[in-house]
N, C-alpha and C. Protein backbone atom coordinates (compact mmCIF):
# COMPACT_ATOMS: atom_id res chain seq x y z
N MET A 1 131.22 119.06 65.99
CA MET A 1 131.07 119.98 67.10
C MET A 1 131.66 119.34 68.36
N LYS A 2 132.40 120.10 69.15
CA LYS A 2 133.01 119.58 70.36
C LYS A 2 131.95 119.34 71.43
N LYS A 3 132.14 118.30 72.19
CA LYS A 3 131.21 117.95 73.25
C LYS A 3 131.63 118.63 74.55
N ASN A 4 130.65 118.92 75.40
CA ASN A 4 130.84 119.44 76.76
C ASN A 4 131.52 120.80 76.83
N ILE A 5 131.37 121.64 75.81
CA ILE A 5 131.93 122.99 75.89
C ILE A 5 130.85 124.05 75.99
N HIS A 6 129.61 123.68 75.73
CA HIS A 6 128.51 124.65 75.75
C HIS A 6 127.83 124.66 77.11
N PRO A 7 127.38 125.84 77.57
CA PRO A 7 126.68 125.90 78.85
C PRO A 7 125.30 125.26 78.74
N ASN A 8 124.76 124.90 79.89
CA ASN A 8 123.43 124.30 79.95
C ASN A 8 122.38 125.36 79.62
N TYR A 9 121.58 125.11 78.60
CA TYR A 9 120.54 126.04 78.14
C TYR A 9 119.21 125.48 78.62
N GLN A 10 118.64 126.10 79.66
CA GLN A 10 117.45 125.54 80.29
C GLN A 10 116.33 126.56 80.40
N GLU A 11 115.14 126.06 80.70
CA GLU A 11 113.98 126.94 80.88
C GLU A 11 114.08 127.63 82.23
N VAL A 12 113.82 128.94 82.24
CA VAL A 12 113.79 129.72 83.47
C VAL A 12 112.60 130.66 83.41
N VAL A 13 112.19 131.14 84.58
CA VAL A 13 111.11 132.11 84.69
C VAL A 13 111.74 133.46 84.98
N PHE A 14 111.39 134.46 84.18
CA PHE A 14 111.82 135.83 84.43
C PHE A 14 110.68 136.54 85.16
N TRP A 15 111.02 137.21 86.26
CA TRP A 15 110.01 137.85 87.11
C TRP A 15 110.32 139.34 87.18
N ASP A 16 109.45 140.16 86.58
CA ASP A 16 109.57 141.61 86.64
C ASP A 16 109.03 142.05 88.00
N THR A 17 109.92 142.44 88.90
CA THR A 17 109.52 142.76 90.26
C THR A 17 108.74 144.07 90.37
N SER A 18 108.90 144.98 89.41
CA SER A 18 108.19 146.25 89.50
C SER A 18 106.73 146.13 89.09
N SER A 19 106.39 145.18 88.22
CA SER A 19 104.99 145.02 87.80
C SER A 19 104.43 143.64 88.13
N ASP A 20 105.21 142.81 88.81
CA ASP A 20 104.81 141.45 89.18
C ASP A 20 104.37 140.64 87.97
N PHE A 21 105.09 140.80 86.86
CA PHE A 21 104.82 140.08 85.62
C PHE A 21 105.85 138.98 85.48
N LYS A 22 105.40 137.76 85.17
CA LYS A 22 106.30 136.63 85.02
C LYS A 22 106.13 136.02 83.64
N PHE A 23 107.25 135.60 83.04
CA PHE A 23 107.19 134.89 81.77
C PHE A 23 108.32 133.88 81.72
N MET A 24 108.08 132.84 80.94
CA MET A 24 109.07 131.78 80.84
C MET A 24 109.84 131.91 79.53
N SER A 25 111.13 131.69 79.63
CA SER A 25 112.01 131.69 78.47
C SER A 25 113.14 130.71 78.77
N ARG A 26 114.20 130.80 78.01
CA ARG A 26 115.35 129.93 78.24
C ARG A 26 116.58 130.81 78.47
N SER A 27 117.52 130.29 79.25
CA SER A 27 118.72 131.04 79.57
C SER A 27 119.83 130.08 79.97
N THR A 28 121.06 130.57 79.86
CA THR A 28 122.20 129.80 80.35
C THR A 28 122.53 130.18 81.79
N ASN A 29 121.93 131.26 82.28
CA ASN A 29 122.13 131.67 83.66
C ASN A 29 121.43 130.67 84.58
N VAL A 30 122.10 130.27 85.65
CA VAL A 30 121.52 129.29 86.56
C VAL A 30 121.38 129.92 87.94
N PRO A 31 120.23 130.54 88.22
CA PRO A 31 120.02 131.13 89.55
C PRO A 31 119.71 130.04 90.58
N LYS A 32 119.87 130.39 91.85
CA LYS A 32 119.63 129.43 92.92
C LYS A 32 118.17 129.39 93.35
N GLU A 33 117.46 130.51 93.18
CA GLU A 33 116.05 130.56 93.58
C GLU A 33 115.18 129.80 92.59
N LYS A 34 114.12 129.21 93.10
CA LYS A 34 113.16 128.50 92.25
C LYS A 34 111.77 128.99 92.54
N ILE A 35 110.88 128.81 91.57
CA ILE A 35 109.49 129.22 91.71
C ILE A 35 108.60 128.18 91.06
N LYS A 36 107.41 128.00 91.60
CA LYS A 36 106.48 127.04 91.02
C LYS A 36 105.70 127.74 89.91
N TRP A 37 105.72 127.18 88.72
CA TRP A 37 105.07 127.76 87.54
C TRP A 37 103.66 127.22 87.42
N THR A 38 102.90 127.70 86.46
CA THR A 38 101.50 127.34 86.30
C THR A 38 101.30 125.86 85.94
N ASP A 39 102.32 125.22 85.40
CA ASP A 39 102.19 123.80 85.06
C ASP A 39 102.49 122.88 86.24
N GLY A 40 102.78 123.47 87.41
CA GLY A 40 103.03 122.69 88.62
C GLY A 40 104.48 122.33 88.84
N LYS A 41 105.34 122.57 87.87
CA LYS A 41 106.77 122.25 88.00
C LYS A 41 107.51 123.44 88.59
N GLU A 42 108.67 123.18 89.19
CA GLU A 42 109.52 124.25 89.71
C GLU A 42 110.60 124.58 88.70
N TYR A 43 110.80 125.88 88.49
CA TYR A 43 111.81 126.37 87.56
C TYR A 43 112.67 127.41 88.26
N PRO A 44 113.92 127.56 87.84
CA PRO A 44 114.76 128.65 88.37
C PRO A 44 114.14 129.99 87.99
N VAL A 45 114.29 130.98 88.86
CA VAL A 45 113.70 132.30 88.60
C VAL A 45 114.80 133.36 88.58
N ILE A 46 114.71 134.26 87.58
CA ILE A 46 115.62 135.39 87.47
C ILE A 46 114.77 136.65 87.65
N LYS A 47 115.11 137.45 88.67
CA LYS A 47 114.36 138.67 88.96
C LYS A 47 114.96 139.83 88.17
N VAL A 48 114.09 140.55 87.44
CA VAL A 48 114.51 141.71 86.66
C VAL A 48 113.71 142.92 87.12
N GLU A 49 114.25 144.12 86.91
CA GLU A 49 113.56 145.34 87.33
C GLU A 49 112.67 145.91 86.23
N VAL A 50 113.02 145.67 84.96
CA VAL A 50 112.26 146.23 83.85
C VAL A 50 112.05 145.14 82.80
N SER A 51 110.82 145.05 82.31
CA SER A 51 110.50 144.14 81.21
C SER A 51 109.52 144.86 80.29
N SER A 52 108.99 144.15 79.33
CA SER A 52 108.02 144.77 78.42
C SER A 52 106.74 145.17 79.15
N ALA A 53 106.47 144.59 80.30
CA ALA A 53 105.27 144.92 81.06
C ALA A 53 105.42 146.22 81.85
N SER A 54 106.65 146.67 82.07
CA SER A 54 106.84 147.88 82.87
C SER A 54 107.65 148.96 82.16
N HIS A 55 108.20 148.68 80.99
CA HIS A 55 109.00 149.69 80.29
C HIS A 55 108.08 150.72 79.62
N PRO A 56 108.37 152.02 79.77
CA PRO A 56 107.50 153.06 79.21
C PRO A 56 107.32 152.97 77.70
N TYR A 57 108.31 152.48 76.98
CA TYR A 57 108.19 152.38 75.53
C TYR A 57 107.08 151.40 75.15
N PHE A 58 106.99 150.30 75.84
CA PHE A 58 105.99 149.28 75.52
C PHE A 58 104.63 149.56 76.15
N THR A 59 104.60 150.21 77.31
CA THR A 59 103.32 150.45 77.99
C THR A 59 102.67 151.74 77.55
N GLY A 60 103.44 152.69 77.05
CA GLY A 60 102.89 153.98 76.65
C GLY A 60 102.66 154.91 77.83
N LYS A 61 103.07 154.51 79.00
CA LYS A 61 102.90 155.32 80.21
C LYS A 61 104.26 155.80 80.67
N LYS A 62 104.28 156.98 81.25
CA LYS A 62 105.52 157.48 81.83
C LYS A 62 105.60 156.98 83.26
N MET A 63 106.62 156.21 83.51
CA MET A 63 106.85 155.69 84.85
C MET A 63 108.24 156.08 85.30
N LEU A 64 108.35 156.44 86.53
CA LEU A 64 109.65 156.76 87.09
C LEU A 64 110.21 155.49 87.72
N VAL A 65 111.24 154.97 87.11
CA VAL A 65 111.90 153.78 87.64
C VAL A 65 113.25 154.21 88.17
N ASP A 66 113.32 154.43 89.47
CA ASP A 66 114.56 154.89 90.08
C ASP A 66 114.86 154.02 91.28
N THR A 67 115.36 152.86 91.02
CA THR A 67 115.66 151.94 92.11
C THR A 67 117.10 152.10 92.59
N ALA A 68 117.93 152.73 91.79
CA ALA A 68 119.34 152.83 92.16
C ALA A 68 119.69 154.13 92.84
N GLY A 69 118.74 155.08 92.96
CA GLY A 69 119.05 156.37 93.56
C GLY A 69 120.02 157.15 92.71
N ARG A 70 119.66 157.40 91.47
CA ARG A 70 120.57 157.99 90.49
C ARG A 70 121.05 159.38 90.89
N VAL A 71 120.15 160.19 91.45
CA VAL A 71 120.54 161.56 91.83
C VAL A 71 121.56 161.52 92.95
N GLU A 72 121.30 160.70 93.96
CA GLU A 72 122.24 160.59 95.07
C GLU A 72 123.58 160.04 94.60
N LYS A 73 123.53 159.09 93.70
CA LYS A 73 124.75 158.49 93.17
C LYS A 73 125.57 159.54 92.40
N PHE A 74 124.87 160.38 91.60
CA PHE A 74 125.54 161.43 90.84
C PHE A 74 126.16 162.46 91.78
N GLN A 75 125.40 162.88 92.79
CA GLN A 75 125.90 163.89 93.71
C GLN A 75 127.07 163.36 94.53
N LYS A 76 127.04 162.09 94.86
CA LYS A 76 128.15 161.53 95.61
C LYS A 76 129.42 161.49 94.74
N LYS A 77 129.24 161.21 93.46
CA LYS A 77 130.39 161.09 92.57
C LYS A 77 130.94 162.46 92.16
N TYR A 78 130.04 163.41 91.83
CA TYR A 78 130.47 164.70 91.29
C TYR A 78 130.19 165.89 92.19
N GLY A 79 129.67 165.67 93.37
CA GLY A 79 129.33 166.77 94.25
C GLY A 79 130.54 167.50 94.78
N LYS A 80 130.27 168.65 95.46
CA LYS A 80 131.37 169.44 96.03
C LYS A 80 132.04 168.65 97.14
N LYS A 81 133.35 168.82 97.21
CA LYS A 81 134.12 168.10 98.24
C LYS A 81 134.52 169.01 99.37
């Protein structure tokens, strides 16, 4: 196997901003923000909008997740000129 061709695979914290749910996993993405985890160490944090804690399929609840303004975006793209 060739050396120094693979990205750094490190532990990161994923933070679901819509439900304030955090979990630790590993990723090759290296964000600049850091957060203090329950073990007292600091880890890079990746903010996500949807996770298993907030997705309707996993929660069984209907939630409206419209952070991008989909209707306005559609009307701007396809609306009358």
